[in-house]
Amino acid sequence: MLDRRAFIGLAAAALAAGGEVRAEARRPVNTLGSPDGVAIRGYDPVAYFRDGGPRLGKPEFAAHYGGATWRFVSAEHKALFEADPQRYLPAYGGFCAYGTSRGYLVKIEPEAWSIVDGRLYLNYDLSVRKTWLGRTRTYIARADGSWSRLTTKDIR
């Protein structure tokens, strides 16, 4: 069962954060299954770019952005993220990119990922990733069109 109350609370916190918040940061962030509001299951978004794949972040290297907690493997990765979060944030708030292209929000498996044109995309599992990689450009175009309309009611 998804903890929708925690998810909705995090989305509201992102909106209430005040100051200048980019539009992407106002969208839902994937914290599914995390009672503490940790994004992308605790994996370091910078590691996909710098280390060539997923690495589980550590609580001592955490940053808050967009109403979620992001974890990193090192102080260096945390600093890189804080200097330019848009460079490292996964597309579609860290929800499955293929699911977003189909009009719904679902969890991801950190091992099911790709980087396309410098952007991190996460997928539901390795099987969905295989489908995603078959027509990536088509799915990105569809997901880009769906993303702005999706809300917490679209979580499956």
N, C-alpha and C. Protein backbone atom coordinates (compact mmCIF):
# COMPACT_ATOMS: atom_id res chain seq x y z
N MET A 1 0.85 -1.19 0.00
CA MET A 1 0.00 0.00 0.00
C MET A 1 0.88 1.24 0.00
N LEU A 2 0.59 2.16 -0.85
CA LEU A 2 1.35 3.40 -0.92
C LEU A 2 0.92 4.35 0.18
N ASP A 3 1.86 5.01 0.79
CA ASP A 3 1.54 5.99 1.82
C ASP A 3 1.27 7.33 1.15
N ARG A 4 0.06 7.50 0.65
CA ARG A 4 -0.30 8.72 -0.08
C ARG A 4 -0.27 9.96 0.79
N ARG A 5 -0.60 9.80 2.08
CA ARG A 5 -0.58 10.97 2.97
C ARG A 5 0.82 11.55 3.08
N ALA A 6 1.82 10.69 3.23
CA ALA A 6 3.20 11.18 3.30
C ALA A 6 3.59 11.83 1.99
N PHE A 7 3.19 11.23 0.88
CA PHE A 7 3.52 11.78 -0.43
C PHE A 7 2.87 13.16 -0.62
N ILE A 8 1.60 13.26 -0.28
CA ILE A 8 0.89 14.54 -0.42
C ILE A 8 1.51 15.59 0.48
N GLY A 9 1.89 15.20 1.70
CA GLY A 9 2.54 16.13 2.62
C GLY A 9 3.84 16.66 2.05
N LEU A 10 4.61 15.80 1.41
CA LEU A 10 5.87 16.23 0.82
C LEU A 10 5.63 17.18 -0.35
N ALA A 11 4.63 16.90 -1.14
CA ALA A 11 4.32 17.80 -2.25
C ALA A 11 3.88 19.16 -1.73
N ALA A 12 3.08 19.17 -0.67
CA ALA A 12 2.65 20.43 -0.07
C ALA A 12 3.84 21.18 0.52
N ALA A 13 4.75 20.46 1.16
CA ALA A 13 5.94 21.10 1.73
C ALA A 13 6.77 21.77 0.64
N ALA A 14 6.85 21.14 -0.50
CA ALA A 14 7.62 21.73 -1.60
C ALA A 14 6.98 23.04 -2.04
N LEU A 15 5.66 23.07 -2.08
CA LEU A 15 4.97 24.29 -2.50
C LEU A 15 5.07 25.39 -1.45
N ALA A 16 5.10 24.99 -0.18
CA ALA A 16 5.12 25.97 0.90
C ALA A 16 6.52 26.43 1.27
N ALA A 17 7.52 25.90 0.60
CA ALA A 17 8.91 26.19 0.98
C ALA A 17 9.25 27.67 0.85
N GLY A 18 8.49 28.38 0.04
CA GLY A 18 8.75 29.82 -0.12
C GLY A 18 9.98 30.07 -0.97
N GLY A 19 10.32 31.33 -1.12
CA GLY A 19 11.48 31.67 -1.92
C GLY A 19 11.26 31.31 -3.37
N GLU A 20 12.34 31.28 -4.11
CA GLU A 20 12.26 30.96 -5.52
C GLU A 20 12.43 29.47 -5.71
N VAL A 21 11.37 28.80 -6.12
CA VAL A 21 11.40 27.37 -6.35
C VAL A 21 11.08 27.14 -7.81
N ARG A 22 11.96 26.43 -8.50
CA ARG A 22 11.75 26.15 -9.92
C ARG A 22 10.51 25.29 -10.10
N ALA A 23 9.90 25.39 -11.26
CA ALA A 23 8.67 24.65 -11.54
C ALA A 23 8.87 23.15 -11.33
N GLU A 24 10.00 22.59 -11.74
CA GLU A 24 10.26 21.16 -11.57
C GLU A 24 10.24 20.78 -10.10
N ALA A 25 10.73 21.65 -9.25
CA ALA A 25 10.77 21.34 -7.82
C ALA A 25 9.36 21.35 -7.21
N ARG A 26 8.40 21.98 -7.87
CA ARG A 26 7.03 22.02 -7.36
C ARG A 26 6.24 20.77 -7.72
N ARG A 27 6.74 19.97 -8.63
CA ARG A 27 6.07 18.75 -9.05
C ARG A 27 6.31 17.66 -8.01
N PRO A 28 5.51 16.61 -8.03
CA PRO A 28 5.69 15.52 -7.07
C PRO A 28 7.08 14.89 -7.18
N VAL A 29 7.61 14.47 -6.06
CA VAL A 29 8.89 13.76 -6.01
C VAL A 29 8.61 12.35 -5.52
N ASN A 30 9.24 11.36 -6.14
CA ASN A 30 9.03 9.97 -5.79
C ASN A 30 9.66 9.64 -4.45
N THR A 31 8.83 9.57 -3.42
CA THR A 31 9.26 9.13 -2.09
C THR A 31 8.45 7.89 -1.69
N LEU A 32 7.92 7.18 -2.67
CA LEU A 32 7.07 6.02 -2.39
C LEU A 32 7.81 5.01 -1.53
N GLY A 33 7.15 4.55 -0.48
CA GLY A 33 7.73 3.56 0.41
C GLY A 33 8.65 4.13 1.47
N SER A 34 8.79 5.45 1.51
CA SER A 34 9.68 6.07 2.49
C SER A 34 8.89 6.90 3.48
N PRO A 35 8.78 6.45 4.72
CA PRO A 35 8.07 7.25 5.71
C PRO A 35 8.81 8.54 6.06
N ASP A 36 10.09 8.61 5.73
CA ASP A 36 10.90 9.79 6.04
C ASP A 36 11.03 10.75 4.87
N GLY A 37 10.35 10.49 3.76
CA GLY A 37 10.40 11.39 2.61
C GLY A 37 11.71 11.35 1.85
N VAL A 38 12.34 10.19 1.80
CA VAL A 38 13.60 10.05 1.07
C VAL A 38 13.30 9.75 -0.40
N ALA A 39 13.90 10.53 -1.28
CA ALA A 39 13.66 10.39 -2.72
C ALA A 39 14.42 9.21 -3.30
N ILE A 40 13.91 8.71 -4.38
CA ILE A 40 14.43 7.61 -5.19
C ILE A 40 15.05 6.47 -4.37
N ARG A 41 14.30 6.09 -3.33
CA ARG A 41 14.64 4.94 -2.50
C ARG A 41 15.99 5.07 -1.82
N GLY A 42 16.46 6.31 -1.65
CA GLY A 42 17.71 6.56 -0.95
C GLY A 42 18.95 6.49 -1.82
N TYR A 43 18.77 6.37 -3.12
CA TYR A 43 19.92 6.29 -4.02
C TYR A 43 20.41 7.68 -4.39
N ASP A 44 21.69 7.77 -4.60
CA ASP A 44 22.39 9.02 -4.91
C ASP A 44 22.19 9.37 -6.38
N PRO A 45 21.48 10.45 -6.70
CA PRO A 45 21.29 10.81 -8.11
C PRO A 45 22.59 11.21 -8.81
N VAL A 46 23.53 11.73 -8.08
CA VAL A 46 24.81 12.14 -8.68
C VAL A 46 25.62 10.91 -9.11
N ALA A 47 25.50 9.81 -8.38
CA ALA A 47 26.28 8.61 -8.68
C ALA A 47 26.00 8.07 -10.08
N TYR A 48 24.80 8.22 -10.58
CA TYR A 48 24.50 7.75 -11.92
C TYR A 48 25.40 8.44 -12.94
N PHE A 49 25.68 9.69 -12.72
CA PHE A 49 26.50 10.47 -13.64
C PHE A 49 27.99 10.30 -13.36
N ARG A 50 28.38 10.36 -12.11
CA ARG A 50 29.79 10.36 -11.73
C ARG A 50 30.39 8.97 -11.57
N ASP A 51 29.57 8.00 -11.15
CA ASP A 51 30.08 6.66 -10.86
C ASP A 51 29.58 5.62 -11.86
N GLY A 52 28.75 6.04 -12.81
CA GLY A 52 28.28 5.13 -13.85
C GLY A 52 27.17 4.19 -13.44
N GLY A 53 26.48 4.49 -12.34
CA GLY A 53 25.38 3.64 -11.95
C GLY A 53 24.87 3.95 -10.57
N PRO A 54 23.87 3.19 -10.12
CA PRO A 54 23.24 3.47 -8.83
C PRO A 54 24.13 3.09 -7.65
N ARG A 55 24.11 3.96 -6.66
CA ARG A 55 24.78 3.69 -5.38
C ARG A 55 23.88 4.23 -4.28
N LEU A 56 23.71 3.45 -3.25
CA LEU A 56 22.87 3.84 -2.13
C LEU A 56 23.54 4.95 -1.35
N GLY A 57 22.81 6.05 -1.14
CA GLY A 57 23.34 7.17 -0.38
C GLY A 57 23.35 6.89 1.11
N LYS A 58 24.00 7.77 1.85
CA LYS A 58 24.12 7.62 3.29
C LYS A 58 23.37 8.76 3.99
N PRO A 59 22.72 8.46 5.12
CA PRO A 59 21.97 9.50 5.84
C PRO A 59 22.84 10.70 6.24
N GLU A 60 24.11 10.48 6.51
CA GLU A 60 24.98 11.59 6.93
C GLU A 60 25.29 12.56 5.78
N PHE A 61 25.00 12.16 4.55
CA PHE A 61 25.20 13.04 3.39
C PHE A 61 23.85 13.30 2.74
N ALA A 62 22.98 13.98 3.44
CA ALA A 62 21.62 14.24 2.96
C ALA A 62 21.43 15.72 2.68
N ALA A 63 20.59 16.00 1.70
CA ALA A 63 20.20 17.37 1.37
C ALA A 63 18.69 17.38 1.16
N HIS A 64 18.09 18.52 1.41
CA HIS A 64 16.65 18.67 1.22
C HIS A 64 16.41 19.56 0.01
N TYR A 65 15.56 19.07 -0.87
CA TYR A 65 15.24 19.82 -2.07
C TYR A 65 13.88 19.37 -2.58
N GLY A 66 13.03 20.30 -2.96
CA GLY A 66 11.74 19.98 -3.55
C GLY A 66 10.81 19.20 -2.63
N GLY A 67 10.96 19.37 -1.33
CA GLY A 67 10.09 18.69 -0.39
C GLY A 67 10.50 17.26 -0.09
N ALA A 68 11.69 16.87 -0.53
CA ALA A 68 12.17 15.51 -0.29
C ALA A 68 13.60 15.56 0.25
N THR A 69 14.01 14.44 0.81
CA THR A 69 15.39 14.27 1.27
C THR A 69 16.12 13.44 0.22
N TRP A 70 17.27 13.95 -0.20
CA TRP A 70 18.12 13.26 -1.17
C TRP A 70 19.37 12.80 -0.46
N ARG A 71 19.77 11.57 -0.68
CA ARG A 71 20.95 11.03 -0.03
C ARG A 71 22.08 10.83 -1.04
N PHE A 72 23.31 10.97 -0.54
CA PHE A 72 24.49 10.90 -1.39
C PHE A 72 25.54 10.00 -0.76
N VAL A 73 26.43 9.48 -1.58
CA VAL A 73 27.47 8.58 -1.09
C VAL A 73 28.62 9.32 -0.44
N SER A 74 28.73 10.62 -0.71
CA SER A 74 29.87 11.39 -0.19
C SER A 74 29.50 12.87 -0.07
N ALA A 75 30.32 13.58 0.68
CA ALA A 75 30.15 15.03 0.80
C ALA A 75 30.35 15.69 -0.56
N GLU A 76 31.24 15.14 -1.37
CA GLU A 76 31.48 15.69 -2.71
C GLU A 76 30.22 15.61 -3.56
N HIS A 77 29.56 14.46 -3.56
CA HIS A 77 28.33 14.31 -4.35
C HIS A 77 27.24 15.25 -3.84
N LYS A 78 27.14 15.37 -2.53
CA LYS A 78 26.15 16.29 -1.96
C LYS A 78 26.42 17.71 -2.41
N ALA A 79 27.67 18.14 -2.40
CA ALA A 79 28.04 19.49 -2.81
C ALA A 79 27.74 19.71 -4.30
N LEU A 80 28.00 18.72 -5.12
CA LEU A 80 27.70 18.83 -6.55
C LEU A 80 26.20 19.02 -6.77
N PHE A 81 25.40 18.26 -6.05
CA PHE A 81 23.95 18.36 -6.16
C PHE A 81 23.47 19.74 -5.69
N GLU A 82 23.95 20.17 -4.55
CA GLU A 82 23.51 21.46 -4.01
C GLU A 82 23.91 22.62 -4.91
N ALA A 83 25.01 22.49 -5.62
CA ALA A 83 25.45 23.56 -6.52
C ALA A 83 24.59 23.63 -7.79
N ASP A 84 24.01 22.50 -8.22
CA ASP A 84 23.24 22.47 -9.46
C ASP A 84 22.26 21.29 -9.44
N PRO A 85 21.23 21.36 -8.60
CA PRO A 85 20.31 20.21 -8.49
C PRO A 85 19.65 19.84 -9.80
N GLN A 86 19.33 20.80 -10.65
CA GLN A 86 18.65 20.49 -11.91
C GLN A 86 19.49 19.57 -12.80
N ARG A 87 20.78 19.64 -12.67
CA ARG A 87 21.66 18.78 -13.48
C ARG A 87 21.51 17.31 -13.09
N TYR A 88 21.23 17.04 -11.82
CA TYR A 88 21.24 15.68 -11.31
C TYR A 88 19.87 15.09 -11.00
N LEU A 89 18.86 15.91 -10.89
CA LEU A 89 17.53 15.40 -10.56
C LEU A 89 17.05 14.45 -11.65
N PRO A 90 16.47 13.33 -11.26
CA PRO A 90 15.90 12.43 -12.28
C PRO A 90 14.66 13.07 -12.90
N ALA A 91 14.45 12.74 -14.16
CA ALA A 91 13.26 13.23 -14.86
C ALA A 91 12.00 12.75 -14.15
N TYR A 92 10.96 13.53 -14.27
CA TYR A 92 9.62 13.19 -13.78
C TYR A 92 9.61 12.88 -12.29
N GLY A 93 10.38 13.66 -11.53
CA GLY A 93 10.39 13.54 -10.09
C GLY A 93 10.93 12.22 -9.57
N GLY A 94 11.58 11.46 -10.44
CA GLY A 94 12.11 10.16 -10.04
C GLY A 94 11.10 9.03 -10.15
N PHE A 95 9.94 9.30 -10.72
CA PHE A 95 8.98 8.24 -10.99
C PHE A 95 9.40 7.52 -12.27
N CYS A 96 8.83 6.36 -12.50
CA CYS A 96 9.14 5.60 -13.70
C CYS A 96 8.84 6.44 -14.95
N ALA A 97 9.85 6.61 -15.78
CA ALA A 97 9.69 7.43 -16.98
C ALA A 97 8.70 6.79 -17.96
N TYR A 98 8.75 5.48 -18.09
CA TYR A 98 7.81 4.80 -18.98
C TYR A 98 6.38 4.95 -18.46
N GLY A 99 6.19 4.76 -17.15
CA GLY A 99 4.86 4.95 -16.56
C GLY A 99 4.35 6.36 -16.79
N THR A 100 5.24 7.34 -16.64
CA THR A 100 4.85 8.73 -16.88
C THR A 100 4.40 8.91 -18.33
N SER A 101 5.07 8.23 -19.26
CA SER A 101 4.68 8.33 -20.67
C SER A 101 3.31 7.72 -20.91
N ARG A 102 2.89 6.83 -20.02
CA ARG A 102 1.59 6.17 -20.14
C ARG A 102 0.51 6.86 -19.30
N GLY A 103 0.90 7.93 -18.58
CA GLY A 103 -0.08 8.73 -17.86
C GLY A 103 -0.30 8.37 -16.41
N TYR A 104 0.68 7.69 -15.79
CA TYR A 104 0.56 7.39 -14.37
C TYR A 104 1.93 7.42 -13.71
N LEU A 105 1.91 7.47 -12.38
CA LEU A 105 3.13 7.54 -11.58
C LEU A 105 3.31 6.23 -10.82
N VAL A 106 4.48 5.63 -10.96
CA VAL A 106 4.77 4.38 -10.26
C VAL A 106 6.20 4.40 -9.72
N LYS A 107 6.47 3.47 -8.84
CA LYS A 107 7.78 3.33 -8.21
C LYS A 107 8.85 2.99 -9.26
N ILE A 108 10.07 2.97 -8.79
CA ILE A 108 11.19 2.61 -9.66
C ILE A 108 12.06 1.58 -8.94
N GLU A 109 12.89 0.93 -9.70
CA GLU A 109 13.99 0.13 -9.18
C GLU A 109 15.25 0.89 -9.58
N PRO A 110 16.10 1.23 -8.64
CA PRO A 110 17.27 2.05 -8.94
C PRO A 110 18.20 1.47 -10.01
N GLU A 111 18.18 0.14 -10.19
CA GLU A 111 19.03 -0.49 -11.19
C GLU A 111 18.49 -0.33 -12.61
N ALA A 112 17.26 0.12 -12.75
CA ALA A 112 16.62 0.29 -14.05
C ALA A 112 16.70 1.77 -14.44
N TRP A 113 17.76 2.14 -15.11
CA TRP A 113 18.02 3.55 -15.37
C TRP A 113 18.67 3.75 -16.73
N SER A 114 18.64 4.98 -17.18
CA SER A 114 19.37 5.39 -18.38
C SER A 114 19.61 6.89 -18.30
N ILE A 115 20.63 7.32 -18.99
CA ILE A 115 20.89 8.75 -19.13
C ILE A 115 20.78 9.05 -20.62
N VAL A 116 19.89 9.98 -20.94
CA VAL A 116 19.65 10.38 -22.32
C VAL A 116 19.82 11.88 -22.41
N ASP A 117 20.72 12.32 -23.27
CA ASP A 117 20.99 13.75 -23.43
C ASP A 117 21.26 14.44 -22.10
N GLY A 118 22.02 13.78 -21.24
CA GLY A 118 22.40 14.37 -19.96
C GLY A 118 21.33 14.36 -18.90
N ARG A 119 20.25 13.63 -19.10
CA ARG A 119 19.14 13.57 -18.14
C ARG A 119 18.97 12.16 -17.64
N LEU A 120 18.78 12.00 -16.33
CA LEU A 120 18.58 10.70 -15.72
C LEU A 120 17.12 10.29 -15.79
N TYR A 121 16.88 9.09 -16.31
CA TYR A 121 15.55 8.50 -16.38
C TYR A 121 15.56 7.19 -15.60
N LEU A 122 14.56 7.00 -14.77
CA LEU A 122 14.43 5.79 -13.97
C LEU A 122 13.21 5.01 -14.45
N ASN A 123 13.26 3.69 -14.28
CA ASN A 123 12.15 2.84 -14.71
C ASN A 123 11.71 1.89 -13.61
N TYR A 124 10.52 1.36 -13.79
CA TYR A 124 9.87 0.47 -12.83
C TYR A 124 10.73 -0.76 -12.51
N ASP A 125 11.26 -1.40 -13.53
CA ASP A 125 12.14 -2.55 -13.35
C ASP A 125 12.95 -2.75 -14.63
N LEU A 126 13.78 -3.78 -14.66
CA LEU A 126 14.67 -4.00 -15.82
C LEU A 126 13.89 -4.37 -17.07
N SER A 127 12.76 -5.06 -16.92
CA SER A 127 11.94 -5.41 -18.07
C SER A 127 11.34 -4.15 -18.71
N VAL A 128 10.82 -3.26 -17.87
CA VAL A 128 10.28 -2.00 -18.38
C VAL A 128 11.40 -1.16 -19.00
N ARG A 129 12.58 -1.19 -18.40
CA ARG A 129 13.72 -0.47 -18.96
C ARG A 129 14.03 -0.95 -20.37
N LYS A 130 13.94 -2.24 -20.60
CA LYS A 130 14.19 -2.78 -21.94
C LYS A 130 13.18 -2.21 -22.94
N THR A 131 11.92 -2.16 -22.54
CA THR A 131 10.88 -1.55 -23.38
C THR A 131 11.20 -0.08 -23.62
N TRP A 132 11.53 0.64 -22.54
CA TRP A 132 11.87 2.06 -22.59
C TRP A 132 13.00 2.31 -23.59
N LEU A 133 14.02 1.52 -23.55
CA LEU A 133 15.18 1.72 -24.41
C LEU A 133 14.89 1.45 -25.88
N GLY A 134 13.81 0.72 -26.16
CA GLY A 134 13.44 0.43 -27.54
C GLY A 134 12.92 1.64 -28.30
N ARG A 135 12.29 2.58 -27.60
CA ARG A 135 11.71 3.77 -28.25
C ARG A 135 11.84 4.97 -27.31
N THR A 136 13.03 5.18 -26.81
CA THR A 136 13.26 6.20 -25.79
C THR A 136 12.73 7.57 -26.19
N ARG A 137 13.06 8.03 -27.38
CA ARG A 137 12.65 9.38 -27.80
C ARG A 137 11.12 9.52 -27.83
N THR A 138 10.44 8.51 -28.30
CA THR A 138 8.98 8.53 -28.34
C THR A 138 8.42 8.61 -26.92
N TYR A 139 8.96 7.77 -26.03
CA TYR A 139 8.46 7.76 -24.65
C TYR A 139 8.78 9.06 -23.92
N ILE A 140 9.94 9.64 -24.19
CA ILE A 140 10.27 10.93 -23.57
C ILE A 140 9.28 12.00 -24.01
N ALA A 141 8.97 12.05 -25.29
CA ALA A 141 8.01 13.04 -25.79
C ALA A 141 6.65 12.85 -25.13
N ARG A 142 6.21 11.62 -25.01
CA ARG A 142 4.92 11.34 -24.36
C ARG A 142 4.96 11.71 -22.88
N ALA A 143 6.04 11.33 -22.21
CA ALA A 143 6.16 11.63 -20.77
C ALA A 143 6.23 13.13 -20.53
N ASP A 144 6.95 13.85 -21.38
CA ASP A 144 7.01 15.30 -21.25
C ASP A 144 5.60 15.90 -21.35
N GLY A 145 4.78 15.36 -22.22
CA GLY A 145 3.41 15.85 -22.37
C GLY A 145 2.53 15.50 -21.18
N SER A 146 2.76 14.35 -20.57
CA SER A 146 1.94 13.89 -19.44
C SER A 146 2.34 14.53 -18.12
N TRP A 147 3.62 14.78 -17.93
CA TRP A 147 4.17 15.14 -16.62
C TRP A 147 3.47 16.33 -15.98
N SER A 148 3.20 17.36 -16.71
CA SER A 148 2.62 18.56 -16.11
C SER A 148 1.20 18.34 -15.61
N ARG A 149 0.52 17.32 -16.11
CA ARG A 149 -0.86 17.05 -15.72
C ARG A 149 -0.98 16.03 -14.60
N LEU A 150 0.08 15.28 -14.32
CA LEU A 150 -0.02 14.20 -13.33
C LEU A 150 0.02 14.74 -11.91
N THR A 151 -0.78 14.12 -11.06
CA THR A 151 -0.86 14.50 -9.65
C THR A 151 -0.83 13.24 -8.79
N THR A 152 -0.94 13.41 -7.50
CA THR A 152 -0.91 12.26 -6.60
C THR A 152 -2.04 11.28 -6.86
N LYS A 153 -3.12 11.73 -7.48
CA LYS A 153 -4.20 10.79 -7.78
C LYS A 153 -3.82 9.81 -8.91
N ASP A 154 -2.71 10.08 -9.60
CA ASP A 154 -2.25 9.22 -10.67
C ASP A 154 -1.23 8.18 -10.23
N ILE A 155 -1.01 8.07 -8.93
CA ILE A 155 -0.07 7.07 -8.40
C ILE A 155 -0.73 5.70 -8.43
N ARG A 156 0.02 4.75 -8.91
CA ARG A 156 -0.47 3.35 -8.95
C ARG A 156 0.41 2.47 -8.11
